[in-house]
Structure formats: structure tokens, C-alpha cells
């Protein structure tokens, strides 16, 4: 029995050595290159080298040159008005209306007769002489019995006179305006007017 145990004790390590040596035999080490071996150059894609010739550049677009226009400078002008030493000379033929009767916008019946009067003052420096100055129709509605009225007396500067005209209202129902004036030769002055309603 001791022999059997002794054989087994010796056989077991042997079996273990054989089992371990089989995998080690299958493993082969790869040889490492020796330092004297030269590296094989690898090819890399070549990059284009920059060209040394200059490429033409675009010419910048020319912009029109700005033309300077002359500027306008405003210089304030101060005017000094000196009062006139001579007074204003009154017109030769002038007047001022003092009153009117009847007033404007009075109502009349169609074909009704009435008299209108204007009191005026001679504010000129000529005398309104009888025969040289007349009171006459100028424009507007023709509501008069006579288109010309003679002065009864001369009117000196500063004096007043009543200018009267006999009139008749027109037949159509509306508003009418008539204008009369003093006249000396071809010169008309001192115009007066009347407006009425015919109802």
C-alpha cells in the first residue's frame, strides 16, 4: 500500500507538469525588432503647396466723387424807417360818410317807391362846385328814377351835404344792392351803397 501511495505521489506532480507545459508550448512570443532595423517610410497624401505667383485682385469699383455745392448764408438785414418830415397830402377829391337813411337790408314791397339819403363830408381840398360835381349811379341794381342828381349848392372842404336819390323797389323777390358815387369829369370818388330786400 505504501508503494501505491508513493507512486501516486510521484505521478501527480508529473501529470501536473505535463498539463502545464502544453498551453505554454502553444503560446509563441513575437520577436521584437532589433534596434538596427530601419523604419519603412509610409506614404501620406501630398498637400498642395501655395503658389508663389500673385493672383489678380479685383479692382474696387470707383464711386463718383462728391461735388461740393456753394452754401447760401443768410445775412439779416435791418431796415430803419425814418419818419417822413412832410405830412400826407389829402386827396383833391375825397369824402367821409357821416350817416345813411334808411340803413341797409330794409324790406320793401315790389315796385314800392322810397327815398335814400347819404350825408357826406368833403375831406379833400377841392370845392365840389355846382355843375362841376354830380351824384350818379355807378353799378349794381338799377332802382333809380333818374341816374344823375345835380348838387344844389357847392360844398367846400370840411362842409357836409346830403345826397338824396328817389328809388323804386324791383318786382322780383330777392336782395338788391346799388352803388352810387360823386363824379367830377372822368373821376369818380366818394362811393356809397344801399342793399334792400324785396318781399
N, C-alpha and C. Protein backbone atom coordinates (compact mmCIF):
# COMPACT_ATOMS: atom_id res chain seq x y z
N UNK A 1 0.82 -1.16 0.00
CA UNK A 1 0.00 0.00 0.00
C UNK A 1 0.86 1.23 0.00
N UNK A 2 1.93 1.22 0.74
CA UNK A 2 2.86 2.35 0.75
C UNK A 2 3.43 2.59 -0.61
N UNK A 3 3.61 1.57 -1.38
CA UNK A 3 4.20 1.70 -2.69
C UNK A 3 3.21 2.39 -3.63
N UNK A 4 1.97 1.98 -3.43
CA UNK A 4 0.96 2.58 -4.30
C UNK A 4 0.87 4.05 -4.03
N UNK A 5 0.88 4.42 -2.76
CA UNK A 5 0.79 5.83 -2.39
C UNK A 5 2.02 6.59 -2.87
N UNK A 6 3.15 5.98 -2.80
CA UNK A 6 4.39 6.62 -3.21
C UNK A 6 4.36 6.83 -4.71
N UNK A 7 3.83 5.91 -5.45
CA UNK A 7 3.80 6.04 -6.91
C UNK A 7 2.82 7.15 -7.27
N UNK A 8 1.74 7.15 -6.57
CA UNK A 8 0.77 8.18 -6.87
C UNK A 8 1.31 9.53 -6.49
N UNK A 9 2.01 9.63 -5.44
CA UNK A 9 2.59 10.92 -5.02
C UNK A 9 3.59 11.41 -6.04
N UNK A 10 4.27 10.50 -6.67
CA UNK A 10 5.25 10.94 -7.67
C UNK A 10 4.56 11.19 -9.00
N UNK A 11 3.51 10.49 -9.28
CA UNK A 11 2.86 10.63 -10.59
C UNK A 11 2.07 11.92 -10.69
N UNK A 12 1.50 12.33 -9.61
CA UNK A 12 0.68 13.55 -9.64
C UNK A 12 1.50 14.77 -10.04
N UNK A 13 2.65 15.02 -9.50
CA UNK A 13 3.40 16.18 -9.97
C UNK A 13 3.80 16.07 -11.43
N UNK A 14 4.04 14.88 -11.87
CA UNK A 14 4.42 14.71 -13.26
C UNK A 14 3.27 15.05 -14.17
N UNK A 15 2.10 14.58 -13.80
CA UNK A 15 0.91 14.88 -14.61
C UNK A 15 0.66 16.38 -14.64
N UNK A 16 0.88 17.00 -13.49
CA UNK A 16 0.66 18.46 -13.42
C UNK A 16 1.65 19.18 -14.30
N UNK A 17 2.89 18.77 -14.37
CA UNK A 17 3.91 19.43 -15.20
C UNK A 17 3.57 19.28 -16.66
N UNK A 18 3.10 18.06 -17.03
CA UNK A 18 2.77 17.83 -18.43
C UNK A 18 1.58 18.71 -18.83
N UNK A 19 0.58 18.80 -17.93
CA UNK A 19 -0.62 19.61 -18.24
C UNK A 19 -0.28 21.09 -18.38
N UNK A 20 0.67 21.55 -17.58
CA UNK A 20 1.04 22.97 -17.64
C UNK A 20 1.92 23.26 -18.83
N UNK A 21 2.68 22.32 -19.28
CA UNK A 21 3.62 22.60 -20.37
C UNK A 21 2.91 22.67 -21.71
N UNK A 22 1.76 22.01 -21.83
CA UNK A 22 1.04 22.03 -23.12
C UNK A 22 0.55 23.42 -23.49
N UNK A 23 -0.10 24.16 -22.62
CA UNK A 23 -0.52 25.52 -23.03
C UNK A 23 0.65 26.43 -23.27
N UNK A 24 1.75 26.28 -22.54
CA UNK A 24 2.89 27.17 -22.73
C UNK A 24 3.53 26.92 -24.08
N UNK A 25 3.42 25.68 -24.55
CA UNK A 25 4.04 25.39 -25.84
C UNK A 25 3.24 26.03 -26.96
N UNK A 26 1.91 26.17 -26.73
CA UNK A 26 1.10 26.77 -27.79
C UNK A 26 1.32 28.27 -27.89
N UNK A 27 1.74 28.89 -26.82
CA UNK A 27 1.98 30.34 -26.81
C UNK A 27 3.34 30.63 -27.36
N UNK A 28 3.42 31.40 -28.45
CA UNK A 28 4.68 31.74 -29.07
C UNK A 28 4.90 33.23 -28.92
N UNK A 29 6.02 33.60 -28.58
CA UNK A 29 6.36 35.03 -28.40
C UNK A 29 6.70 35.61 -29.75
N UNK A 30 6.25 36.83 -29.99
CA UNK A 30 6.58 37.51 -31.25
C UNK A 30 7.89 38.21 -31.08
N UNK A 31 8.73 38.07 -32.08
CA UNK A 31 10.05 38.69 -31.96
C UNK A 31 9.93 40.21 -32.03
N UNK A 32 10.63 40.89 -31.20
CA UNK A 32 10.67 42.35 -31.21
C UNK A 32 11.77 42.77 -32.16
N UNK A 33 11.53 43.80 -32.91
CA UNK A 33 12.56 44.21 -33.88
C UNK A 33 13.80 44.71 -33.18
N UNK A 34 14.86 44.43 -33.81
CA UNK A 34 16.14 44.85 -33.23
C UNK A 34 16.34 46.33 -33.48
N UNK A 35 17.10 46.97 -32.68
CA UNK A 35 17.31 48.41 -32.85
C UNK A 35 17.97 48.74 -34.17
N UNK A 36 18.60 47.83 -34.80
CA UNK A 36 19.30 48.18 -36.03
C UNK A 36 18.38 48.21 -37.23
N UNK A 37 17.13 47.70 -37.04
CA UNK A 37 16.25 47.67 -38.22
C UNK A 37 15.76 49.08 -38.55
N UNK A 38 15.61 49.45 -39.86
CA UNK A 38 15.21 50.81 -40.30
C UNK A 38 13.71 50.85 -40.51
N UNK A 39 13.13 51.96 -40.16
CA UNK A 39 11.67 52.13 -40.31
C UNK A 39 11.32 52.34 -41.77
N UNK A 40 10.25 51.68 -42.18
CA UNK A 40 9.80 51.81 -43.58
C UNK A 40 8.96 53.08 -43.70
N UNK A 41 9.30 53.96 -44.60
CA UNK A 41 8.51 55.21 -44.72
C UNK A 41 7.12 54.91 -45.25
N UNK A 42 6.16 55.58 -44.65
CA UNK A 42 4.77 55.44 -45.09
C UNK A 42 4.42 56.63 -45.98
N UNK A 43 3.61 56.36 -47.00
CA UNK A 43 3.21 57.42 -47.92
C UNK A 43 1.99 58.15 -47.37
N UNK A 44 2.10 59.47 -47.31
CA UNK A 44 0.96 60.30 -46.87
C UNK A 44 0.50 61.13 -48.07
N UNK A 45 -0.79 61.45 -48.13
CA UNK A 45 -1.26 62.26 -49.28
C UNK A 45 -0.58 63.61 -49.30
N UNK A 46 -0.18 64.01 -50.47
CA UNK A 46 0.56 65.28 -50.59
C UNK A 46 -0.42 66.45 -50.56
N UNK A 47 -0.07 67.51 -49.85
CA UNK A 47 -0.87 68.72 -49.78
C UNK A 47 -0.39 69.70 -50.84
N UNK A 48 -1.29 70.41 -51.45
CA UNK A 48 -0.83 71.39 -52.46
C UNK A 48 -0.05 72.51 -51.80
N UNK A 49 1.05 72.79 -52.38
CA UNK A 49 1.87 73.87 -51.85
C UNK A 49 1.36 75.21 -52.37
N UNK A 50 1.43 76.23 -51.56
CA UNK A 50 0.96 77.54 -52.03
C UNK A 50 1.82 78.05 -53.18
N UNK A 51 1.08 78.67 -54.15
CA UNK A 51 1.79 79.19 -55.31
C UNK A 51 2.45 80.52 -54.94
N UNK A 52 3.61 80.73 -55.50
CA UNK A 52 4.31 81.97 -55.20
C UNK A 52 3.91 83.09 -56.16
N UNK A 53 3.15 82.76 -57.21
CA UNK A 53 2.72 83.82 -58.13
C UNK A 53 1.45 84.45 -57.58
N UNK A 54 1.40 85.78 -57.62
CA UNK A 54 0.25 86.51 -57.06
C UNK A 54 -0.94 86.39 -57.98
N UNK A 55 -2.12 86.16 -57.38
CA UNK A 55 -3.35 86.09 -58.16
C UNK A 55 -3.87 87.51 -58.37
N UNK A 56 -4.49 87.75 -59.52
CA UNK A 56 -5.02 89.12 -59.75
C UNK A 56 -6.16 89.42 -58.79
N UNK A 57 -6.12 90.59 -58.23
CA UNK A 57 -7.17 91.00 -57.29
C UNK A 57 -8.18 91.86 -58.04
N UNK A 58 -9.43 91.92 -57.50
CA UNK A 58 -10.47 92.72 -58.13
C UNK A 58 -10.21 94.20 -57.87
N UNK A 59 -10.39 94.96 -58.92
CA UNK A 59 -10.21 96.41 -58.77
C UNK A 59 -11.48 96.99 -58.12
N UNK A 60 -11.33 97.76 -57.04
CA UNK A 60 -12.53 98.29 -56.39
C UNK A 60 -13.29 99.22 -57.34
N UNK A 61 -14.61 99.13 -57.21
CA UNK A 61 -15.47 99.98 -58.05
C UNK A 61 -15.27 101.42 -57.67
N UNK A 62 -15.13 102.25 -58.68
CA UNK A 62 -14.93 103.67 -58.40
C UNK A 62 -16.26 104.33 -58.09
N UNK A 63 -16.30 105.07 -57.01
CA UNK A 63 -17.50 105.81 -56.63
C UNK A 63 -17.36 107.24 -57.14
N UNK A 64 -18.50 107.83 -57.56
CA UNK A 64 -18.39 109.22 -58.03
C UNK A 64 -17.96 110.14 -56.91
N UNK A 65 -17.10 111.03 -57.26
CA UNK A 65 -16.61 111.94 -56.23
C UNK A 65 -17.68 112.95 -55.88
N UNK A 66 -17.77 113.30 -54.62
CA UNK A 66 -18.77 114.25 -54.16
C UNK A 66 -18.39 115.65 -54.59
N UNK A 67 -19.36 116.33 -55.17
CA UNK A 67 -19.13 117.71 -55.59
C UNK A 67 -19.70 118.63 -54.55
N UNK A 68 -18.92 119.53 -54.06
CA UNK A 68 -19.38 120.46 -53.05
C UNK A 68 -20.13 121.59 -53.71
N UNK A 69 -21.37 121.82 -53.22
CA UNK A 69 -22.17 122.91 -53.74
C UNK A 69 -21.97 124.13 -52.87
N UNK A 70 -22.07 125.30 -53.46
CA UNK A 70 -21.91 126.51 -52.64
C UNK A 70 -23.06 126.64 -51.65
N UNK A 71 -22.76 126.99 -50.44
CA UNK A 71 -23.78 127.14 -49.41
C UNK A 71 -24.27 128.58 -49.40
N UNK A 72 -25.55 128.70 -49.06
CA UNK A 72 -26.19 130.02 -49.02
C UNK A 72 -26.27 130.48 -47.59
N UNK A 73 -25.65 131.56 -47.32
CA UNK A 73 -25.70 132.12 -45.97
C UNK A 73 -26.61 133.32 -45.98
N UNK A 74 -27.49 133.34 -45.00
CA UNK A 74 -28.45 134.43 -44.90
C UNK A 74 -27.94 135.46 -43.91
N UNK A 75 -27.86 136.65 -44.37
CA UNK A 75 -27.44 137.74 -43.51
C UNK A 75 -28.65 138.60 -43.19
N UNK A 76 -29.02 138.72 -41.93
CA UNK A 76 -30.19 139.53 -41.62
C UNK A 76 -29.95 140.99 -41.98
N UNK A 77 -30.98 141.56 -42.57
CA UNK A 77 -30.91 142.97 -42.94
C UNK A 77 -31.88 143.74 -42.08
N UNK A 78 -31.40 144.74 -41.41
CA UNK A 78 -32.24 145.56 -40.55
C UNK A 78 -32.54 146.85 -41.29
N UNK A 79 -33.81 147.10 -41.45
CA UNK A 79 -34.23 148.31 -42.14
C UNK A 79 -34.67 149.34 -41.11
N UNK A 80 -34.15 150.50 -41.25
CA UNK A 80 -34.55 151.60 -40.39
C UNK A 80 -35.43 152.54 -41.20
N UNK A 81 -36.67 152.69 -40.75
CA UNK A 81 -37.60 153.57 -41.44
C UNK A 81 -37.61 154.90 -40.72
N UNK A 82 -37.22 155.92 -41.44
CA UNK A 82 -37.22 157.25 -40.85
C UNK A 82 -38.55 157.92 -41.14
N UNK A 83 -39.17 158.51 -40.14
CA UNK A 83 -40.46 159.16 -40.39
C UNK A 83 -40.31 160.31 -41.37
N UNK A 84 -41.32 160.43 -42.20
CA UNK A 84 -41.29 161.49 -43.20
C UNK A 84 -41.52 162.84 -42.53
N UNK A 85 -40.79 163.82 -42.97
CA UNK A 85 -40.93 165.15 -42.39
C UNK A 85 -42.17 165.85 -42.90
N UNK A 86 -42.65 165.43 -44.10
CA UNK A 86 -43.83 166.08 -44.66
C UNK A 86 -45.06 165.24 -44.39
N UNK A 87 -46.18 165.81 -43.93
CA UNK A 87 -47.40 165.04 -43.69
C UNK A 87 -48.00 164.57 -45.01
N UNK A 88 -48.86 163.52 -44.90
CA UNK A 88 -49.52 163.01 -46.10
C UNK A 88 -50.48 164.05 -46.65
N UNK A 89 -50.36 164.31 -47.92
CA UNK A 89 -51.21 165.32 -48.55
C UNK A 89 -52.57 164.71 -48.85
N UNK A 90 -53.69 165.31 -48.39
CA UNK A 90 -55.00 164.74 -48.68
C UNK A 90 -55.31 164.80 -50.17
N UNK A 91 -56.17 163.87 -50.59
CA UNK A 91 -56.55 163.83 -52.00
C UNK A 91 -57.38 165.07 -52.35
N UNK A 92 -57.33 165.44 -53.58
CA UNK A 92 -58.12 166.59 -54.03
C UNK A 92 -59.61 166.32 -53.88
N UNK A 93 -60.02 165.09 -54.22
CA UNK A 93 -61.43 164.72 -54.17
C UNK A 93 -61.58 163.54 -53.21
N UNK A 94 -62.12 163.80 -52.03
CA UNK A 94 -62.29 162.76 -51.02
C UNK A 94 -63.49 163.10 -50.16
N UNK A 95 -64.04 162.08 -49.50
CA UNK A 95 -65.19 162.32 -48.62
C UNK A 95 -65.22 161.32 -47.49
N UNK A 96 -66.09 161.56 -46.53
CA UNK A 96 -66.30 160.67 -45.40
C UNK A 96 -67.80 160.54 -45.21
N UNK A 97 -68.28 159.28 -45.07
CA UNK A 97 -69.71 159.04 -44.86
C UNK A 97 -70.06 159.32 -43.40
N UNK A 98 -71.05 160.18 -43.18
CA UNK A 98 -71.49 160.51 -41.83
C UNK A 98 -72.64 159.60 -41.41
N UNK A 99 -73.69 159.50 -42.22
CA UNK A 99 -74.80 158.59 -41.96
C UNK A 99 -75.53 158.25 -43.25
N UNK A 100 -76.40 157.23 -43.14
CA UNK A 100 -77.19 156.77 -44.28
C UNK A 100 -78.61 156.49 -43.79
N UNK A 101 -79.63 156.91 -44.57
CA UNK A 101 -81.02 156.65 -44.20
C UNK A 101 -81.85 156.38 -45.46
N UNK A 102 -82.58 155.24 -45.50
CA UNK A 102 -82.63 154.18 -44.48
C UNK A 102 -81.34 153.37 -44.49
N UNK A 103 -81.16 152.54 -43.46
CA UNK A 103 -79.98 151.68 -43.39
C UNK A 103 -80.08 150.53 -44.38
N UNK A 104 -79.05 149.73 -44.44
CA UNK A 104 -79.02 148.58 -45.35
C UNK A 104 -79.94 147.47 -44.84
N UNK A 105 -80.38 146.65 -45.77
CA UNK A 105 -81.17 145.43 -45.54
C UNK A 105 -82.56 145.73 -45.01
N UNK A 106 -83.16 146.88 -45.43
CA UNK A 106 -84.55 147.17 -45.14
C UNK A 106 -85.42 146.45 -46.18
N UNK A 107 -86.60 146.01 -45.77
CA UNK A 107 -87.50 145.28 -46.68
C UNK A 107 -88.52 146.23 -47.30
N UNK A 108 -88.77 146.03 -48.61
CA UNK A 108 -89.76 146.80 -49.35
C UNK A 108 -90.63 145.83 -50.14
N UNK A 109 -91.84 146.30 -50.44
CA UNK A 109 -92.72 145.52 -51.31
C UNK A 109 -92.31 145.73 -52.77
N UNK A 110 -92.64 144.83 -53.65
CA UNK A 110 -92.30 145.03 -55.07
C UNK A 110 -92.90 146.33 -55.60
N UNK A 111 -92.09 147.05 -56.34
CA UNK A 111 -92.46 148.30 -57.01
C UNK A 111 -92.78 149.44 -56.02
N UNK A 112 -92.33 149.31 -54.79
CA UNK A 112 -92.57 150.37 -53.79
C UNK A 112 -91.54 151.49 -53.96
N UNK A 113 -92.00 152.75 -53.94
CA UNK A 113 -91.13 153.92 -54.08
C UNK A 113 -90.59 154.31 -52.70
N UNK A 114 -89.35 154.76 -52.67
CA UNK A 114 -88.74 155.23 -51.43
C UNK A 114 -87.60 156.18 -51.78
N UNK A 115 -87.11 156.91 -50.79
CA UNK A 115 -86.00 157.86 -50.98
C UNK A 115 -84.89 157.48 -50.02
N UNK A 116 -83.65 157.46 -50.52
CA UNK A 116 -82.49 157.16 -49.69
C UNK A 116 -81.59 158.39 -49.67
N UNK A 117 -80.98 158.64 -48.52
CA UNK A 117 -80.08 159.78 -48.42
C UNK A 117 -78.77 159.38 -47.72
N UNK A 118 -77.66 159.95 -48.19
CA UNK A 118 -76.35 159.76 -47.58
C UNK A 118 -75.81 161.13 -47.20
N UNK A 119 -75.41 161.31 -45.95
CA UNK A 119 -74.78 162.57 -45.54
C UNK A 119 -73.28 162.36 -45.57
N UNK A 120 -72.56 163.17 -46.34
CA UNK A 120 -71.11 163.02 -46.51
C UNK A 120 -70.43 164.35 -46.21
N UNK A 121 -69.14 164.26 -45.87
CA UNK A 121 -68.30 165.45 -45.62
C UNK A 121 -67.20 165.51 -46.67
N UNK A 122 -66.94 166.70 -47.16
CA UNK A 122 -65.84 166.93 -48.12
C UNK A 122 -64.53 166.93 -47.33
N UNK A 123 -63.73 165.85 -47.48
CA UNK A 123 -62.44 165.74 -46.78
C UNK A 123 -61.26 166.01 -47.71
N UNK A 124 -61.54 166.40 -48.96
CA UNK A 124 -60.47 166.77 -49.89
C UNK A 124 -60.15 168.24 -49.78
N UNK A 125 -59.41 168.78 -50.73
CA UNK A 125 -59.12 170.21 -50.70
C UNK A 125 -59.69 170.94 -51.91
N UNK A 126 -60.49 170.24 -52.74
CA UNK A 126 -61.20 170.89 -53.85
C UNK A 126 -62.64 171.17 -53.45
N UNK A 127 -63.19 172.23 -53.95
CA UNK A 127 -64.61 172.55 -53.74
C UNK A 127 -65.44 171.73 -54.72
N UNK A 128 -66.55 171.14 -54.18
CA UNK A 128 -67.47 170.43 -55.07
C UNK A 128 -68.44 171.49 -55.62
N UNK A 129 -68.13 171.98 -56.78
CA UNK A 129 -68.93 173.07 -57.34
C UNK A 129 -70.18 172.58 -58.04
N UNK A 130 -71.23 173.40 -57.97
CA UNK A 130 -72.47 173.09 -58.68
C UNK A 130 -72.18 173.08 -60.17
N UNK A 131 -72.58 172.05 -60.85
CA UNK A 131 -72.34 171.90 -62.28
C UNK A 131 -71.04 171.17 -62.60
N UNK A 132 -70.04 171.22 -61.68
CA UNK A 132 -68.78 170.50 -61.96
C UNK A 132 -68.74 169.13 -61.28
N UNK A 133 -69.50 168.99 -60.18
CA UNK A 133 -69.56 167.70 -59.47
C UNK A 133 -71.02 167.26 -59.46
N UNK A 134 -71.26 165.98 -59.83
CA UNK A 134 -72.61 165.41 -59.84
C UNK A 134 -72.61 164.11 -59.04
N UNK A 135 -73.83 163.70 -58.62
CA UNK A 135 -74.01 162.43 -57.91
C UNK A 135 -74.69 161.49 -58.89
N UNK A 136 -74.03 160.30 -59.17
CA UNK A 136 -74.51 159.45 -60.25
C UNK A 136 -74.48 157.96 -59.89
N UNK A 137 -75.32 157.19 -60.59
CA UNK A 137 -75.35 155.73 -60.46
C UNK A 137 -74.02 155.17 -60.95
N UNK A 138 -73.46 154.18 -60.20
CA UNK A 138 -72.16 153.59 -60.57
C UNK A 138 -72.31 152.14 -61.03
N UNK A 139 -72.96 151.30 -60.22
CA UNK A 139 -73.13 149.87 -60.59
C UNK A 139 -74.16 149.24 -59.67
N UNK A 140 -74.53 148.01 -60.01
CA UNK A 140 -75.49 147.25 -59.21
C UNK A 140 -76.90 147.36 -59.76
N UNK A 141 -77.86 147.15 -58.86
CA UNK A 141 -79.28 147.17 -59.26
C UNK A 141 -79.69 148.58 -59.68
N UNK A 142 -80.43 148.67 -60.75
CA UNK A 142 -80.90 149.97 -61.27
C UNK A 142 -82.29 150.24 -60.68
N UNK A 143 -82.29 150.78 -59.47
CA UNK A 143 -83.55 151.03 -58.77
C UNK A 143 -83.93 152.51 -58.78
N UNK A 144 -83.32 153.32 -59.61
CA UNK A 144 -83.49 154.77 -59.57
C UNK A 144 -84.60 155.23 -60.52
N UNK A 145 -85.12 156.44 -60.22
CA UNK A 145 -85.99 157.13 -61.17
C UNK A 145 -85.14 157.90 -62.17
N UNK A 146 -84.00 158.45 -61.70
CA UNK A 146 -83.05 159.17 -62.57
C UNK A 146 -81.64 158.74 -62.16
N UNK A 147 -80.78 158.53 -63.15
CA UNK A 147 -79.44 158.03 -62.86
C UNK A 147 -78.45 159.14 -62.52
N UNK A 148 -78.89 160.40 -62.51
CA UNK A 148 -77.98 161.52 -62.25
C UNK A 148 -78.69 162.56 -61.38
N UNK A 149 -77.98 163.02 -60.33
CA UNK A 149 -78.53 164.02 -59.41
C UNK A 149 -77.54 165.18 -59.35
N UNK A 150 -78.03 166.39 -59.59
CA UNK A 150 -77.19 167.59 -59.53
C UNK A 150 -77.10 168.10 -58.09
N UNK A 151 -75.93 168.64 -57.72
CA UNK A 151 -75.78 169.28 -56.41
C UNK A 151 -76.56 170.59 -56.42
N UNK A 152 -77.22 170.92 -55.30
CA UNK A 152 -77.98 172.17 -55.20
C UNK A 152 -77.10 173.32 -54.75
N UNK A 153 -76.02 173.01 -54.00
CA UNK A 153 -75.07 174.06 -53.55
C UNK A 153 -73.66 173.52 -53.65
N UNK A 154 -72.70 174.39 -53.69
CA UNK A 154 -71.30 173.97 -53.67
C UNK A 154 -70.92 173.52 -52.26
N UNK A 155 -69.98 172.58 -52.20
CA UNK A 155 -69.55 172.03 -50.91
C UNK A 155 -68.05 172.27 -50.78
N UNK A 156 -67.66 173.14 -49.83
CA UNK A 156 -66.26 173.46 -49.60
C UNK A 156 -65.61 172.37 -48.75
N UNK A 157 -64.28 172.29 -48.71
CA UNK A 157 -63.60 171.32 -47.83
C UNK A 157 -64.05 171.52 -46.38
N UNK A 158 -64.35 170.38 -45.73
CA UNK A 158 -64.82 170.40 -44.34
C UNK A 158 -66.32 170.55 -44.20
N UNK A 159 -67.05 170.88 -45.25
CA UNK A 159 -68.51 171.01 -45.18
C UNK A 159 -69.19 169.67 -45.47
N UNK A 160 -70.49 169.58 -45.08
CA UNK A 160 -71.28 168.36 -45.26
C UNK A 160 -72.45 168.64 -46.18
N UNK A 161 -72.92 167.57 -46.84
CA UNK A 161 -74.06 167.66 -47.74
C UNK A 161 -74.81 166.33 -47.71
N UNK A 162 -76.15 166.41 -47.91
CA UNK A 162 -76.97 165.20 -48.00
C UNK A 162 -77.24 164.92 -49.48
N UNK A 163 -76.87 163.71 -49.90
CA UNK A 163 -77.07 163.28 -51.29
C UNK A 163 -78.30 162.37 -51.30
N UNK A 164 -79.38 162.80 -51.96
CA UNK A 164 -80.65 162.06 -51.96
C UNK A 164 -80.98 161.54 -53.34
N UNK A 165 -81.57 160.32 -53.36
CA UNK A 165 -81.98 159.70 -54.62
C UNK A 165 -83.37 159.09 -54.43
N UNK A 166 -84.29 159.35 -55.35
CA UNK A 166 -85.60 158.70 -55.37
C UNK A 166 -85.45 157.34 -56.06
N UNK A 167 -85.91 156.29 -55.37
CA UNK A 167 -85.76 154.93 -55.89
C UNK A 167 -87.09 154.20 -55.89
N UNK A 168 -87.11 153.06 -56.57
CA UNK A 168 -88.28 152.20 -56.63
C UNK A 168 -87.79 150.75 -56.54
N UNK A 169 -88.42 149.97 -55.63
CA UNK A 169 -88.02 148.57 -55.42
C UNK A 169 -88.35 147.74 -56.65
N UNK A 170 -87.45 146.83 -57.06
CA UNK A 170 -87.74 145.94 -58.19
C UNK A 170 -88.92 145.00 -57.86
N UNK A 171 -89.39 144.31 -58.87
CA UNK A 171 -90.57 143.46 -58.68
C UNK A 171 -90.23 142.05 -58.21
N UNK A 172 -89.02 141.56 -58.52
CA UNK A 172 -88.67 140.18 -58.11
C UNK A 172 -88.31 140.17 -56.63
N UNK A 173 -88.69 139.08 -55.96
CA UNK A 173 -88.46 138.94 -54.52
C UNK A 173 -87.06 138.40 -54.28
N UNK A 174 -86.15 139.27 -53.90
CA UNK A 174 -84.77 138.88 -53.57
C UNK A 174 -84.06 140.08 -52.95
N UNK A 175 -82.75 139.98 -52.78
CA UNK A 175 -81.97 141.10 -52.24
C UNK A 175 -81.31 141.86 -53.38
N UNK A 176 -81.23 143.19 -53.24
CA UNK A 176 -80.63 144.04 -54.27
C UNK A 176 -79.62 144.97 -53.62
N UNK A 177 -78.57 145.28 -54.37
CA UNK A 177 -77.55 146.24 -53.93
C UNK A 177 -77.27 147.19 -55.08
N UNK A 178 -77.23 148.48 -54.77
CA UNK A 178 -76.91 149.51 -55.76
C UNK A 178 -75.81 150.40 -55.22
N UNK A 179 -74.92 150.88 -56.08
CA UNK A 179 -73.79 151.72 -55.68
C UNK A 179 -73.84 153.02 -56.47
N UNK A 180 -73.66 154.15 -55.75
CA UNK A 180 -73.66 155.49 -56.34
C UNK A 180 -72.35 156.17 -55.97
N UNK A 181 -72.01 157.24 -56.71
CA UNK A 181 -70.73 157.91 -56.48
C UNK A 181 -70.81 159.36 -56.94
N UNK A 182 -70.01 160.21 -56.31
CA UNK A 182 -69.79 161.56 -56.82
C UNK A 182 -68.83 161.47 -58.00
N UNK A 183 -68.97 162.42 -58.94
CA UNK A 183 -68.12 162.38 -60.12
C UNK A 183 -67.77 163.81 -60.53
N UNK A 184 -66.49 163.99 -60.85
CA UNK A 184 -66.02 165.26 -61.42
C UNK A 184 -65.30 164.93 -62.72
N UNK A 185 -65.90 165.26 -63.84
CA UNK A 185 -65.33 164.87 -65.13
C UNK A 185 -65.33 163.36 -65.26
N UNK A 186 -64.12 162.76 -65.44
CA UNK A 186 -63.99 161.30 -65.53
C UNK A 186 -63.59 160.68 -64.19
N UNK A 187 -63.45 161.50 -63.15
CA UNK A 187 -63.00 160.99 -61.84
C UNK A 187 -64.21 160.69 -60.96
N UNK A 188 -64.31 159.43 -60.52
CA UNK A 188 -65.36 159.01 -59.59
C UNK A 188 -64.74 158.98 -58.19
N UNK A 189 -65.45 159.50 -57.20
CA UNK A 189 -64.95 159.47 -55.82
C UNK A 189 -66.15 159.43 -54.87
N UNK A 190 -65.90 159.08 -53.65
CA UNK A 190 -66.90 159.00 -52.59
C UNK A 190 -68.03 158.03 -52.92
N UNK A 191 -67.72 156.71 -53.19
CA UNK A 191 -68.80 155.76 -53.50
C UNK A 191 -69.57 155.39 -52.24
N UNK A 192 -70.90 155.25 -52.38
CA UNK A 192 -71.79 154.81 -51.29
C UNK A 192 -72.70 153.73 -51.86
N UNK A 193 -73.28 152.90 -50.98
CA UNK A 193 -74.10 151.80 -51.48
C UNK A 193 -75.32 151.60 -50.59
N UNK A 194 -76.31 150.91 -51.15
CA UNK A 194 -77.54 150.57 -50.44
C UNK A 194 -77.93 149.14 -50.80
N UNK A 195 -78.29 148.34 -49.78
CA UNK A 195 -78.78 146.97 -50.00
C UNK A 195 -80.17 146.86 -49.38
N UNK A 196 -81.14 146.30 -50.13
CA UNK A 196 -82.51 146.15 -49.65
C UNK A 196 -83.00 144.74 -49.98
N UNK A 197 -84.09 144.36 -49.31
CA UNK A 197 -84.81 143.12 -49.62
C UNK A 197 -86.16 143.50 -50.22
N UNK A 198 -86.57 142.78 -51.24
CA UNK A 198 -87.92 142.90 -51.77
C UNK A 198 -88.67 141.65 -51.37
N UNK A 199 -89.76 141.84 -50.60
CA UNK A 199 -90.51 140.68 -50.05
C UNK A 199 -91.98 140.77 -50.39
